């Protein structure tokens, strides 16, 4: 975004069903963007 990259470290993962993950963190840290 305008202020720079959203996360300090790029995200890498593989998620396969069945799996259930909660995405947490303070407001403004990109939870909705990641979704």
ModelCIF file with pLDDT and N, C-alpha, C, O atoms, coordinates in Angstrom:
data_MODEL
#
_entry.id   MODEL 
#
_entity.id                         1 
_entity.type                       polymer 
_entity.pdbx_number_of_molecules   1 
#
_entity_poly.entity_id                      1 
_entity_poly.type                           'polypeptide(L)' 
_entity_poly.nstd_linkage                   no 
_entity_poly.nstd_monomer                   no 
_entity_poly.pdbx_seq_one_letter_code       
;(UNK)(UNK)(UNK)(UNK)(UNK)(UNK)(UNK)(UNK)(UNK)(UNK)(UNK)(UNK)(UNK)(UNK)(UNK)(UNK)
(UNK)(UNK)(UNK)(UNK)(UNK)(UNK)(UNK)(UNK)(UNK)(UNK)(UNK)(UNK)(UNK)(UNK)(UNK)(UNK)
(UNK)(UNK)(UNK)
;
_entity_poly.pdbx_seq_one_letter_code_can   XXXXXXXXXXXXXXXXXXXXXXXXXXXXXXXXXXX 
_entity_poly.pdbx_strand_id                 A 
#
loop_
_entity_poly_seq.entity_id 
_entity_poly_seq.num 
_entity_poly_seq.mon_id 
_entity_poly_seq.hetero 
1 1  UNK n 
1 2  UNK n 
1 3  UNK n 
1 4  UNK n 
1 5  UNK n 
1 6  UNK n 
1 7  UNK n 
1 8  UNK n 
1 9  UNK n 
1 10 UNK n 
1 11 UNK n 
1 12 UNK n 
1 13 UNK n 
1 14 UNK n 
1 15 UNK n 
1 16 UNK n 
1 17 UNK n 
1 18 UNK n 
1 19 UNK n 
1 20 UNK n 
1 21 UNK n 
1 22 UNK n 
1 23 UNK n 
1 24 UNK n 
1 25 UNK n 
1 26 UNK n 
1 27 UNK n 
1 28 UNK n 
1 29 UNK n 
1 30 UNK n 
1 31 UNK n 
1 32 UNK n 
1 33 UNK n 
1 34 UNK n 
1 35 UNK n 
#
_struct_asym.id          A 
_struct_asym.entity_id   1 
#
loop_
_ma_qa_metric.id 
_ma_qa_metric.mode 
_ma_qa_metric.name 
_ma_qa_metric.software_group_id 
_ma_qa_metric.type 
1 global pLDDT . pLDDT 
2 local  pLDDT . pLDDT 
#
_ma_qa_metric_global.metric_id      1 
_ma_qa_metric_global.metric_value   92.66 
_ma_qa_metric_global.model_id       1 
_ma_qa_metric_global.ordinal_id     1 
#
loop_
_ma_qa_metric_local.label_asym_id 
_ma_qa_metric_local.label_comp_id 
_ma_qa_metric_local.label_seq_id 
_ma_qa_metric_local.metric_id 
_ma_qa_metric_local.metric_value 
_ma_qa_metric_local.model_id 
_ma_qa_metric_local.ordinal_id 
A UNK 1  2 86.00 1 1  
A UNK 2  2 81.00 1 2  
A UNK 3  2 80.00 1 3  
A UNK 4  2 84.00 1 4  
A UNK 5  2 89.00 1 5  
A UNK 6  2 90.00 1 6  
A UNK 7  2 92.00 1 7  
A UNK 8  2 90.00 1 8  
A UNK 9  2 91.00 1 9  
A UNK 10 2 94.00 1 10 
A UNK 11 2 96.00 1 11 
A UNK 12 2 96.00 1 12 
A UNK 13 2 96.00 1 13 
A UNK 14 2 96.00 1 14 
A UNK 15 2 96.00 1 15 
A UNK 16 2 95.00 1 16 
A UNK 17 2 95.00 1 17 
A UNK 18 2 95.00 1 18 
A UNK 19 2 96.00 1 19 
A UNK 20 2 97.00 1 20 
A UNK 21 2 98.00 1 21 
A UNK 22 2 98.00 1 22 
A UNK 23 2 97.00 1 23 
A UNK 24 2 96.00 1 24 
A UNK 25 2 93.00 1 25 
A UNK 26 2 91.00 1 26 
A UNK 27 2 89.00 1 27 
A UNK 28 2 87.00 1 28 
A UNK 29 2 91.00 1 29 
A UNK 30 2 93.00 1 30 
A UNK 31 2 95.00 1 31 
A UNK 32 2 94.00 1 32 
A UNK 33 2 94.00 1 33 
A UNK 34 2 96.00 1 34 
A UNK 35 2 96.00 1 35 
#
loop_
_atom_site.group_PDB 
_atom_site.id 
_atom_site.type_symbol 
_atom_site.label_atom_id 
_atom_site.label_alt_id 
_atom_site.label_comp_id 
_atom_site.label_asym_id 
_atom_site.label_entity_id 
_atom_site.label_seq_id 
_atom_site.pdbx_PDB_ins_code 
_atom_site.Cartn_x 
_atom_site.Cartn_y 
_atom_site.Cartn_z 
_atom_site.occupancy 
_atom_site.B_iso_or_equiv 
_atom_site.pdbx_formal_charge 
_atom_site.auth_seq_id 
_atom_site.auth_comp_id 
_atom_site.auth_asym_id 
_atom_site.auth_atom_id 
_atom_site.pdbx_PDB_model_num 
ATOM 1   N N  . UNK A 1 1  ? 0.861  -1.173  0.000  1.00 86.00 ? 1  UNK A N  1 
ATOM 2   C CA . UNK A 1 1  ? 0.000  0.000   0.000  1.00 86.00 ? 1  UNK A CA 1 
ATOM 3   C C  . UNK A 1 1  ? 0.901  1.228   0.000  1.00 86.00 ? 1  UNK A C  1 
ATOM 4   O O  . UNK A 1 1  ? 2.116  1.110   -0.155 1.00 86.00 ? 1  UNK A O  1 
ATOM 5   N N  . UNK A 1 2  ? 0.306  2.406   0.174  1.00 81.00 ? 2  UNK A N  1 
ATOM 6   C CA . UNK A 1 2  ? 1.087  3.641   0.099  1.00 81.00 ? 2  UNK A CA 1 
ATOM 7   C C  . UNK A 1 2  ? 2.234  3.665   1.115  1.00 81.00 ? 2  UNK A C  1 
ATOM 8   O O  . UNK A 1 2  ? 3.294  4.231   0.847  1.00 81.00 ? 2  UNK A O  1 
ATOM 9   N N  . UNK A 1 3  ? 2.017  3.052   2.271  1.00 80.00 ? 3  UNK A N  1 
ATOM 10  C CA . UNK A 1 3  ? 3.031  3.113   3.321  1.00 80.00 ? 3  UNK A CA 1 
ATOM 11  C C  . UNK A 1 3  ? 4.073  2.011   3.197  1.00 80.00 ? 3  UNK A C  1 
ATOM 12  O O  . UNK A 1 3  ? 4.976  1.913   4.028  1.00 80.00 ? 3  UNK A O  1 
ATOM 13  N N  . UNK A 1 4  ? 3.954  1.189   2.173  1.00 84.00 ? 4  UNK A N  1 
ATOM 14  C CA . UNK A 1 4  ? 4.950  0.156   1.961  1.00 84.00 ? 4  UNK A CA 1 
ATOM 15  C C  . UNK A 1 4  ? 4.359  -1.237  2.031  1.00 84.00 ? 4  UNK A C  1 
ATOM 16  O O  . UNK A 1 4  ? 3.139  -1.397  2.014  1.00 84.00 ? 4  UNK A O  1 
ATOM 17  N N  . UNK A 1 5  ? 5.232  -2.269  2.111  1.00 89.00 ? 5  UNK A N  1 
ATOM 18  C CA . UNK A 1 5  ? 4.731  -3.646  2.169  1.00 89.00 ? 5  UNK A CA 1 
ATOM 19  C C  . UNK A 1 5  ? 3.946  -3.883  3.451  1.00 89.00 ? 5  UNK A C  1 
ATOM 20  O O  . UNK A 1 5  ? 4.270  -3.330  4.502  1.00 89.00 ? 5  UNK A O  1 
ATOM 21  N N  . UNK A 1 6  ? 2.919  -4.704  3.352  1.00 90.00 ? 6  UNK A N  1 
ATOM 22  C CA . UNK A 1 6  ? 2.010  -4.923  4.473  1.00 90.00 ? 6  UNK A CA 1 
ATOM 23  C C  . UNK A 1 6  ? 2.651  -5.716  5.595  1.00 90.00 ? 6  UNK A C  1 
ATOM 24  O O  . UNK A 1 6  ? 2.449  -5.397  6.766  1.00 90.00 ? 6  UNK A O  1 
ATOM 25  N N  . UNK A 1 7  ? 3.427  -6.751  5.259  1.00 92.00 ? 7  UNK A N  1 
ATOM 26  C CA . UNK A 1 7  ? 4.015  -7.615  6.277  1.00 92.00 ? 7  UNK A CA 1 
ATOM 27  C C  . UNK A 1 7  ? 5.536  -7.515  6.258  1.00 92.00 ? 7  UNK A C  1 
ATOM 28  O O  . UNK A 1 7  ? 6.142  -7.359  5.198  1.00 92.00 ? 7  UNK A O  1 
ATOM 29  N N  . UNK A 1 8  ? 6.149  -7.605  7.439  1.00 90.00 ? 8  UNK A N  1 
ATOM 30  C CA . UNK A 1 8  ? 7.608  -7.497  7.541  1.00 90.00 ? 8  UNK A CA 1 
ATOM 31  C C  . UNK A 1 8  ? 8.306  -8.627  6.806  1.00 90.00 ? 8  UNK A C  1 
ATOM 32  O O  . UNK A 1 8  ? 9.420  -8.466  6.308  1.00 90.00 ? 8  UNK A O  1 
ATOM 33  N N  . UNK A 1 9  ? 7.633  -9.784  6.742  1.00 91.00 ? 9  UNK A N  1 
ATOM 34  C CA . UNK A 1 9  ? 8.184  -10.939 6.046  1.00 91.00 ? 9  UNK A CA 1 
ATOM 35  C C  . UNK A 1 9  ? 7.115  -11.507 5.132  1.00 91.00 ? 9  UNK A C  1 
ATOM 36  O O  . UNK A 1 9  ? 5.984  -11.712 5.573  1.00 91.00 ? 9  UNK A O  1 
ATOM 37  N N  . UNK A 1 10 ? 7.438  -11.770 3.865  1.00 94.00 ? 10 UNK A N  1 
ATOM 38  C CA . UNK A 1 10 ? 6.439  -12.359 2.964  1.00 94.00 ? 10 UNK A CA 1 
ATOM 39  C C  . UNK A 1 10 ? 5.893  -13.670 3.527  1.00 94.00 ? 10 UNK A C  1 
ATOM 40  O O  . UNK A 1 10 ? 6.581  -14.385 4.256  1.00 94.00 ? 10 UNK A O  1 
ATOM 41  N N  . UNK A 1 11 ? 4.651  -13.966 3.177  1.00 96.00 ? 11 UNK A N  1 
ATOM 42  C CA . UNK A 1 11 ? 3.976  -15.143 3.696  1.00 96.00 ? 11 UNK A CA 1 
ATOM 43  C C  . UNK A 1 11 ? 4.103  -16.308 2.718  1.00 96.00 ? 11 UNK A C  1 
ATOM 44  O O  . UNK A 1 11 ? 3.915  -16.148 1.512  1.00 96.00 ? 11 UNK A O  1 
ATOM 45  N N  . UNK A 1 12 ? 4.424  -17.475 3.257  1.00 96.00 ? 12 UNK A N  1 
ATOM 46  C CA . UNK A 1 12 ? 4.464  -18.708 2.469  1.00 96.00 ? 12 UNK A CA 1 
ATOM 47  C C  . UNK A 1 12 ? 3.828  -19.819 3.287  1.00 96.00 ? 12 UNK A C  1 
ATOM 48  O O  . UNK A 1 12 ? 4.193  -20.029 4.444  1.00 96.00 ? 12 UNK A O  1 
ATOM 49  N N  . UNK A 1 13 ? 2.877  -20.532 2.691  1.00 96.00 ? 13 UNK A N  1 
ATOM 50  C CA . UNK A 1 13 ? 2.256  -21.671 3.369  1.00 96.00 ? 13 UNK A CA 1 
ATOM 51  C C  . UNK A 1 13 ? 1.453  -22.478 2.361  1.00 96.00 ? 13 UNK A C  1 
ATOM 52  O O  . UNK A 1 13 ? 1.097  -21.990 1.289  1.00 96.00 ? 13 UNK A O  1 
ATOM 53  N N  . UNK A 1 14 ? 1.179  -23.716 2.726  1.00 96.00 ? 14 UNK A N  1 
ATOM 54  C CA . UNK A 1 14 ? 0.258  -24.558 1.962  1.00 96.00 ? 14 UNK A CA 1 
ATOM 55  C C  . UNK A 1 14 ? -0.804 -25.058 2.926  1.00 96.00 ? 14 UNK A C  1 
ATOM 56  O O  . UNK A 1 14 ? -0.491 -25.717 3.918  1.00 96.00 ? 14 UNK A O  1 
ATOM 57  N N  . UNK A 1 15 ? -2.050 -24.745 2.637  1.00 96.00 ? 15 UNK A N  1 
ATOM 58  C CA . UNK A 1 15 ? -3.173 -25.167 3.463  1.00 96.00 ? 15 UNK A CA 1 
ATOM 59  C C  . UNK A 1 15 ? -4.090 -26.054 2.626  1.00 96.00 ? 15 UNK A C  1 
ATOM 60  O O  . UNK A 1 15 ? -4.539 -25.652 1.552  1.00 96.00 ? 15 UNK A O  1 
ATOM 61  N N  . UNK A 1 16 ? -4.364 -27.253 3.116  1.00 95.00 ? 16 UNK A N  1 
ATOM 62  C CA . UNK A 1 16 ? -5.228 -28.190 2.409  1.00 95.00 ? 16 UNK A CA 1 
ATOM 63  C C  . UNK A 1 16 ? -6.339 -28.662 3.336  1.00 95.00 ? 16 UNK A C  1 
ATOM 64  O O  . UNK A 1 16 ? -6.118 -28.883 4.526  1.00 95.00 ? 16 UNK A O  1 
ATOM 65  N N  . UNK A 1 17 ? -7.525 -28.812 2.783  1.00 95.00 ? 17 UNK A N  1 
ATOM 66  C CA . UNK A 1 17 ? -8.650 -29.338 3.552  1.00 95.00 ? 17 UNK A CA 1 
ATOM 67  C C  . UNK A 1 17 ? -8.407 -30.799 3.892  1.00 95.00 ? 17 UNK A C  1 
ATOM 68  O O  . UNK A 1 17 ? -7.840 -31.529 3.079  1.00 95.00 ? 17 UNK A O  1 
ATOM 69  N N  . UNK A 1 18 ? -8.829 -31.251 5.091  1.00 95.00 ? 18 UNK A N  1 
ATOM 70  C CA . UNK A 1 18 ? -9.518 -30.463 6.118  1.00 95.00 ? 18 UNK A CA 1 
ATOM 71  C C  . UNK A 1 18 ? -8.518 -29.739 7.009  1.00 95.00 ? 18 UNK A C  1 
ATOM 72  O O  . UNK A 1 18 ? -7.553 -30.324 7.501  1.00 95.00 ? 18 UNK A O  1 
ATOM 73  N N  . UNK A 1 19 ? -8.774 -28.458 7.202  1.00 96.00 ? 19 UNK A N  1 
ATOM 74  C CA . UNK A 1 19 ? -7.907 -27.641 8.054  1.00 96.00 ? 19 UNK A CA 1 
ATOM 75  C C  . UNK A 1 19 ? -8.680 -26.409 8.481  1.00 96.00 ? 19 UNK A C  1 
ATOM 76  O O  . UNK A 1 19 ? -9.521 -25.914 7.730  1.00 96.00 ? 19 UNK A O  1 
ATOM 77  N N  . UNK A 1 20 ? -8.409 -25.913 9.666  1.00 97.00 ? 20 UNK A N  1 
ATOM 78  C CA . UNK A 1 20 ? -9.105 -24.745 10.185 1.00 97.00 ? 20 UNK A CA 1 
ATOM 79  C C  . UNK A 1 20 ? -8.103 -23.825 10.857 1.00 97.00 ? 20 UNK A C  1 
ATOM 80  O O  . UNK A 1 20 ? -7.438 -24.213 11.817 1.00 97.00 ? 20 UNK A O  1 
ATOM 81  N N  . UNK A 1 21 ? -7.997 -22.598 10.349 1.00 98.00 ? 21 UNK A N  1 
ATOM 82  C CA . UNK A 1 21 ? -6.994 -21.650 10.825 1.00 98.00 ? 21 UNK A CA 1 
ATOM 83  C C  . UNK A 1 21 ? -7.658 -20.335 11.188 1.00 98.00 ? 21 UNK A C  1 
ATOM 84  O O  . UNK A 1 21 ? -8.421 -19.782 10.396 1.00 98.00 ? 21 UNK A O  1 
ATOM 85  N N  . UNK A 1 22 ? -7.373 -19.835 12.370 1.00 98.00 ? 22 UNK A N  1 
ATOM 86  C CA . UNK A 1 22 ? -7.773 -18.489 12.758 1.00 98.00 ? 22 UNK A CA 1 
ATOM 87  C C  . UNK A 1 22 ? -6.650 -17.526 12.386 1.00 98.00 ? 22 UNK A C  1 
ATOM 88  O O  . UNK A 1 22 ? -5.480 -17.789 12.662 1.00 98.00 ? 22 UNK A O  1 
ATOM 89  N N  . UNK A 1 23 ? -7.014 -16.412 11.758 1.00 97.00 ? 23 UNK A N  1 
ATOM 90  C CA . UNK A 1 23 ? -6.042 -15.384 11.390 1.00 97.00 ? 23 UNK A CA 1 
ATOM 91  C C  . UNK A 1 23 ? -6.254 -14.213 12.340 1.00 97.00 ? 23 UNK A C  1 
ATOM 92  O O  . UNK A 1 23 ? -7.311 -13.582 12.331 1.00 97.00 ? 23 UNK A O  1 
ATOM 93  N N  . UNK A 1 24 ? -5.257 -13.930 13.149 1.00 96.00 ? 24 UNK A N  1 
ATOM 94  C CA . UNK A 1 24 ? -5.401 -12.935 14.203 1.00 96.00 ? 24 UNK A CA 1 
ATOM 95  C C  . UNK A 1 24 ? -4.320 -11.865 14.083 1.00 96.00 ? 24 UNK A C  1 
ATOM 96  O O  . UNK A 1 24 ? -3.405 -11.965 13.265 1.00 96.00 ? 24 UNK A O  1 
ATOM 97  N N  . UNK A 1 25 ? -4.451 -10.843 14.919 1.00 93.00 ? 25 UNK A N  1 
ATOM 98  C CA . UNK A 1 25 ? -3.505 -9.739  14.925 1.00 93.00 ? 25 UNK A CA 1 
ATOM 99  C C  . UNK A 1 25 ? -4.239 -8.429  15.127 1.00 93.00 ? 25 UNK A C  1 
ATOM 100 O O  . UNK A 1 25 ? -5.458 -8.371  14.963 1.00 93.00 ? 25 UNK A O  1 
ATOM 101 N N  . UNK A 1 26 ? -3.517 -7.378  15.481 1.00 91.00 ? 26 UNK A N  1 
ATOM 102 C CA . UNK A 1 26 ? -4.163 -6.075  15.697 1.00 91.00 ? 26 UNK A CA 1 
ATOM 103 C C  . UNK A 1 26 ? -4.868 -5.576  14.442 1.00 91.00 ? 26 UNK A C  1 
ATOM 104 O O  . UNK A 1 26 ? -4.590 -6.039  13.336 1.00 91.00 ? 26 UNK A O  1 
ATOM 105 N N  . UNK A 1 27 ? -5.778 -4.633  14.625 1.00 89.00 ? 27 UNK A N  1 
ATOM 106 C CA . UNK A 1 27 ? -6.423 -3.990  13.484 1.00 89.00 ? 27 UNK A CA 1 
ATOM 107 C C  . UNK A 1 27 ? -5.367 -3.319  12.611 1.00 89.00 ? 27 UNK A C  1 
ATOM 108 O O  . UNK A 1 27 ? -4.411 -2.730  13.114 1.00 89.00 ? 27 UNK A O  1 
ATOM 109 N N  . UNK A 1 28 ? -5.556 -3.419  11.299 1.00 87.00 ? 28 UNK A N  1 
ATOM 110 C CA . UNK A 1 28 ? -4.624 -2.779  10.385 1.00 87.00 ? 28 UNK A CA 1 
ATOM 111 C C  . UNK A 1 28 ? -3.422 -3.610  10.010 1.00 87.00 ? 28 UNK A C  1 
ATOM 112 O O  . UNK A 1 28 ? -2.495 -3.100  9.382  1.00 87.00 ? 28 UNK A O  1 
ATOM 113 N N  . UNK A 1 29 ? -3.413 -4.885  10.379 1.00 91.00 ? 29 UNK A N  1 
ATOM 114 C CA . UNK A 1 29 ? -2.255 -5.723  10.047 1.00 91.00 ? 29 UNK A CA 1 
ATOM 115 C C  . UNK A 1 29 ? -2.516 -6.652  8.862  1.00 91.00 ? 29 UNK A C  1 
ATOM 116 O O  . UNK A 1 29 ? -1.709 -7.540  8.583  1.00 91.00 ? 29 UNK A O  1 
ATOM 117 N N  . UNK A 1 30 ? -3.626 -6.457  8.169  1.00 93.00 ? 30 UNK A N  1 
ATOM 118 C CA . UNK A 1 30 ? -3.819 -7.151  6.904  1.00 93.00 ? 30 UNK A CA 1 
ATOM 119 C C  . UNK A 1 30 ? -4.613 -8.433  6.949  1.00 93.00 ? 30 UNK A C  1 
ATOM 120 O O  . UNK A 1 30 ? -4.493 -9.258  6.044  1.00 93.00 ? 30 UNK A O  1 
ATOM 121 N N  . UNK A 1 31 ? -5.426 -8.628  7.982  1.00 95.00 ? 31 UNK A N  1 
ATOM 122 C CA . UNK A 1 31 ? -6.222 -9.863  8.045  1.00 95.00 ? 31 UNK A CA 1 
ATOM 123 C C  . UNK A 1 31 ? -7.207 -9.933  6.879  1.00 95.00 ? 31 UNK A C  1 
ATOM 124 O O  . UNK A 1 31 ? -7.294 -10.954 6.197  1.00 95.00 ? 31 UNK A O  1 
ATOM 125 N N  . UNK A 1 32 ? -7.947 -8.851  6.651  1.00 94.00 ? 32 UNK A N  1 
ATOM 126 C CA . UNK A 1 32 ? -8.919 -8.848  5.548  1.00 94.00 ? 32 UNK A CA 1 
ATOM 127 C C  . UNK A 1 32 ? -8.228 -8.884  4.193  1.00 94.00 ? 32 UNK A C  1 
ATOM 128 O O  . UNK A 1 32 ? -8.728 -9.507  3.257  1.00 94.00 ? 32 UNK A O  1 
ATOM 129 N N  . UNK A 1 33 ? -7.087 -8.223  4.084  1.00 94.00 ? 33 UNK A N  1 
ATOM 130 C CA . UNK A 1 33 ? -6.326 -8.271  2.830  1.00 94.00 ? 33 UNK A CA 1 
ATOM 131 C C  . UNK A 1 33 ? -5.886 -9.693  2.525  1.00 94.00 ? 33 UNK A C  1 
ATOM 132 O O  . UNK A 1 33 ? -5.990 -10.148 1.386  1.00 94.00 ? 33 UNK A O  1 
ATOM 133 N N  . UNK A 1 34 ? -5.396 -10.393 3.536  1.00 96.00 ? 34 UNK A N  1 
ATOM 134 C CA . UNK A 1 34 ? -4.972 -11.781 3.319  1.00 96.00 ? 34 UNK A CA 1 
ATOM 135 C C  . UNK A 1 34 ? -6.150 -12.646 2.880  1.00 96.00 ? 34 UNK A C  1 
ATOM 136 O O  . UNK A 1 34 ? -6.008 -13.477 1.983  1.00 96.00 ? 34 UNK A O  1 
ATOM 137 N N  . UNK A 1 35 ? -7.311 -12.457 3.506  1.00 96.00 ? 35 UNK A N  1 
ATOM 138 C CA . UNK A 1 35 ? -8.477 -13.236 3.086  1.00 96.00 ? 35 UNK A CA 1 
ATOM 139 C C  . UNK A 1 35 ? -8.839 -12.936 1.632  1.00 96.00 ? 35 UNK A C  1 
ATOM 140 O O  . UNK A 1 35 ? -9.797 -13.502 1.105  1.00 96.00 ? 35 UNK A O  1 
#
